Amino acid sequence: MKVKAKLKNLRVSPRKVRISADIVRGCNIEDAIFRLDNTVKKSNEPIKKMLLSAVANAQNNFNLDRSTLVIADIQVGEGITMKRWMPRAYGRASEILKRSAHVYITLEGQEASANPAKKKEVKSVKKDDKTEGSIETVEKVEEKKDATLKLNKKSHYRVDAKKKESREKGFNKTMFKRKSI
């Protein structure tokens, strides 16, 4: 099940918001909140609020379990751009662009069932083996499939190998660098 939330007209440049968005993409909820709390960026607090809002939507509206939620997708787009003027030397003026961002988040998770998951049933059957003259016990395992299990098999989030390696190294390496070396 996919749950969506959006944040419009965040008064931070989209280029800077994308850094925070890249930090939490593909993480589970607890890991994402930890990363946002421990990174110093202006856009982290609004993204965290939006993430908690999306989690509340998932729990209350769609009956999803918080522990199974994963940030499947987070996108940052351009919002409105306010244009201001700054006086310069010799009577000139230069334009200042005050940019804003729109942030869209998609969570994926499994439905929380009212009944706890049923355990596998084990049946023992006795067989007579005529050749050896002994009795063997054979165990058969039967699983009861729920509709939720069918959905869970389909909804898997794949992570590219490069992104997985970069997450293992650490999330502070992705910070904005002013000039390339």
Protein backbone atom coordinates (compact mmCIF):
# COMPACT_ATOMS: atom_id res chain seq x y z
CA MET A 1 0.00 0.00 0.00
CA LYS A 2 1.35 3.43 -0.94
CA VAL A 3 0.74 6.52 1.16
CA LYS A 4 1.51 9.99 -0.16
CA ALA A 5 2.08 13.35 1.52
CA LYS A 6 3.22 16.69 0.16
CA LEU A 7 4.76 19.89 1.43
CA LYS A 8 4.24 22.98 -0.70
CA ASN A 9 6.13 26.29 -0.82
CA LEU A 10 8.95 25.43 1.58
CA ARG A 11 11.05 28.61 1.65
CA VAL A 12 14.36 26.85 1.02
CA SER A 13 16.04 26.41 -2.33
CA PRO A 14 15.20 23.04 -3.97
CA ARG A 15 18.90 22.38 -4.50
CA LYS A 16 19.44 22.44 -0.73
CA VAL A 17 16.29 20.44 0.07
CA ARG A 18 17.39 17.65 -2.29
CA ILE A 19 20.42 17.03 -0.06
CA SER A 20 18.15 16.25 2.90
CA ALA A 21 15.84 14.21 0.68
CA ASP A 22 18.72 12.07 -0.59
CA ILE A 23 19.73 11.28 2.99
CA VAL A 24 16.41 9.60 3.85
CA ARG A 25 15.41 8.02 0.52
CA GLY A 26 14.90 4.24 0.90
CA CYS A 27 15.18 4.23 4.71
CA ASN A 28 12.68 2.96 7.24
CA ILE A 29 10.93 5.55 9.42
CA GLU A 30 13.07 5.29 12.56
CA ASP A 31 16.32 5.45 10.61
CA ALA A 32 15.10 8.45 8.60
CA ILE A 33 14.10 10.38 11.73
CA PHE A 34 17.48 9.60 13.30
CA ARG A 35 19.31 10.87 10.21
CA LEU A 36 17.24 14.06 10.02
CA ASP A 37 17.79 14.80 13.73
CA ASN A 38 21.55 14.32 13.51
CA THR A 39 22.23 16.38 10.38
CA VAL A 40 22.37 20.17 10.50
CA LYS A 41 20.23 21.48 7.64
CA LYS A 42 17.47 24.09 7.62
CA SER A 43 15.17 21.84 5.58
CA ASN A 44 15.44 18.83 7.94
CA GLU A 45 12.77 20.01 10.38
CA PRO A 46 10.01 20.58 7.77
CA ILE A 47 10.85 17.25 6.07
CA LYS A 48 10.66 15.49 9.45
CA LYS A 49 7.24 17.06 10.12
CA MET A 50 6.00 15.97 6.70
CA LEU A 51 7.35 12.45 7.28
CA LEU A 52 5.53 12.17 10.62
CA SER A 53 2.36 13.47 8.94
CA ALA A 54 2.65 10.77 6.26
CA VAL A 55 3.14 8.12 8.97
CA ALA A 56 0.02 9.36 10.78
CA ASN A 57 -1.92 9.18 7.48
CA ALA A 58 -0.72 5.62 6.95
CA GLN A 59 -1.71 4.50 10.44
CA ASN A 60 -5.08 6.25 10.70
CA ASN A 61 -6.40 6.21 7.14
CA PHE A 62 -4.92 3.01 5.72
CA ASN A 63 -4.34 0.88 8.86
CA LEU A 64 -0.64 0.32 8.09
CA ASP A 65 1.92 -0.80 10.64
CA ARG A 66 4.56 1.84 11.44
CA SER A 67 7.39 -0.68 11.74
CA THR A 68 6.90 -1.87 8.14
CA LEU A 69 6.83 1.60 6.53
CA VAL A 70 9.67 2.51 4.17
CA ILE A 71 10.29 5.75 2.28
CA ALA A 72 9.79 4.46 -1.25
CA ASP A 73 10.15 7.79 -3.00
CA ILE A 74 10.85 11.39 -2.09
CA GLN A 75 10.90 14.08 -4.77
CA VAL A 76 11.75 17.76 -4.59
CA GLY A 77 10.39 20.16 -7.19
CA GLU A 78 10.58 23.89 -7.72
CA GLY A 79 7.97 26.07 -6.08
CA ILE A 80 7.32 29.74 -6.65
CA THR A 81 10.27 32.09 -7.11
CA MET A 82 10.02 35.54 -5.55
CA LYS A 83 11.99 38.22 -7.37
CA ARG A 84 13.64 41.01 -5.40
CA TRP A 85 16.07 43.76 -6.38
CA MET A 86 19.36 44.68 -4.77
CA PRO A 87 20.92 48.11 -5.38
CA ARG A 88 24.44 47.98 -6.79
CA ALA A 89 27.13 50.49 -7.68
CA TYR A 90 26.67 53.19 -10.31
CA GLY A 91 22.88 53.20 -10.03
CA ARG A 92 22.43 49.63 -11.18
CA ALA A 93 20.29 46.96 -9.61
CA SER A 94 20.63 43.19 -9.71
CA GLU A 95 17.89 40.65 -9.33
CA ILE A 96 17.68 38.31 -6.34
CA LEU A 97 15.72 35.07 -6.79
CA LYS A 98 14.18 33.75 -3.58
CA ARG A 99 13.33 30.17 -4.44
CA SER A 100 10.94 27.78 -2.75
CA ALA A 101 10.44 24.02 -3.02
CA HIS A 102 7.62 21.49 -3.19
CA VAL A 103 8.39 18.13 -1.53
CA TYR A 104 6.45 14.93 -2.29
CA ILE A 105 6.92 11.75 -0.25
CA THR A 106 5.63 8.21 -0.85
CA LEU A 107 5.66 5.55 1.86
CA GLU A 108 5.16 1.84 1.31
CA GLY A 109 4.12 -0.60 3.99
CA GLN A 110 2.14 -3.65 4.97
CA GLU A 111 -1.34 -3.59 6.42
CA ALA A 112 -1.60 -4.21 10.14
CA SER A 113 -4.03 -7.08 10.56
CA ALA A 114 -6.43 -7.14 13.50
CA ASN A 115 -5.63 -10.82 14.08
CA PRO A 116 -2.01 -11.72 14.77
CA ALA A 117 -0.31 -13.75 12.07
CA LYS A 118 -1.18 -17.43 12.32
CA LYS A 119 1.66 -19.81 12.92
CA LYS A 120 2.41 -22.76 10.72
CA GLU A 121 0.53 -25.90 11.62
CA VAL A 122 2.54 -29.07 12.00
CA LYS A 123 0.89 -32.44 11.48
CA SER A 124 2.58 -35.72 12.21
CA VAL A 125 1.66 -38.82 10.22
CA LYS A 126 2.85 -42.33 11.02
CA LYS A 127 3.91 -44.57 8.17
CA ASP A 128 4.74 -48.24 8.22
CA ASP A 129 7.76 -49.08 6.14
CA LYS A 130 7.47 -52.79 5.25
CA THR A 131 11.07 -53.18 4.12
CA GLU A 132 12.71 -52.08 7.35
CA GLY A 133 9.96 -52.92 9.81
CA SER A 134 10.07 -49.53 11.56
CA ILE A 135 7.70 -46.60 11.90
CA GLU A 136 8.78 -43.24 10.55
CA THR A 137 7.26 -39.91 11.48
CA VAL A 138 6.73 -37.53 8.63
CA GLU A 139 5.97 -33.89 9.29
CA LYS A 140 3.97 -31.87 6.87
CA VAL A 141 3.90 -28.12 7.06
CA GLU A 142 0.88 -26.22 5.82
CA GLU A 143 0.75 -22.47 5.53
CA LYS A 144 -2.40 -20.44 5.47
CA LYS A 145 -2.11 -17.58 3.03
CA ASP A 146 -3.76 -14.26 3.75
CA ALA A 147 -4.58 -11.57 1.24
CA THR A 148 -2.02 -9.35 2.97
CA LEU A 149 0.75 -11.86 2.30
CA LYS A 150 -0.03 -11.75 -1.41
CA LEU A 151 0.30 -7.99 -1.37
CA ASN A 152 3.57 -8.14 0.56
CA LYS A 153 5.23 -10.34 -2.05
CA LYS A 154 4.50 -7.77 -4.75
CA SER A 155 5.63 -4.67 -2.90
CA HIS A 156 9.38 -4.81 -2.58
CA TYR A 157 11.58 -1.77 -2.92
CA ARG A 158 14.81 -2.29 -4.82
CA VAL A 159 17.89 -0.26 -4.10
CA ASP A 160 20.65 0.14 -6.66
CA ALA A 161 24.05 -1.25 -5.69
CA LYS A 162 25.70 2.19 -5.83
CA LYS A 163 23.11 3.74 -3.54
CA LYS A 164 23.39 0.82 -1.13
CA GLU A 165 27.18 1.21 -0.96
CA SER A 166 26.91 4.95 -0.39
CA ARG A 167 24.48 4.37 2.50
CA GLU A 168 26.86 1.91 4.09
CA LYS A 169 29.72 4.45 3.95
CA GLY A 170 27.64 7.10 5.69
CA PHE A 171 25.15 9.79 4.87
CA ASN A 172 27.35 12.82 5.64
CA LYS A 173 29.40 12.26 2.47
CA THR A 174 26.52 13.51 0.34
CA MET A 175 26.68 17.11 1.61
CA PHE A 176 26.69 20.03 -0.79
CA LYS A 177 30.16 21.06 -1.98
CA ARG A 178 30.57 24.60 -3.25
CA LYS A 179 33.24 23.83 -5.85
CA SER A 180 34.23 20.58 -7.45
CA ILE A 181 37.83 19.50 -6.91
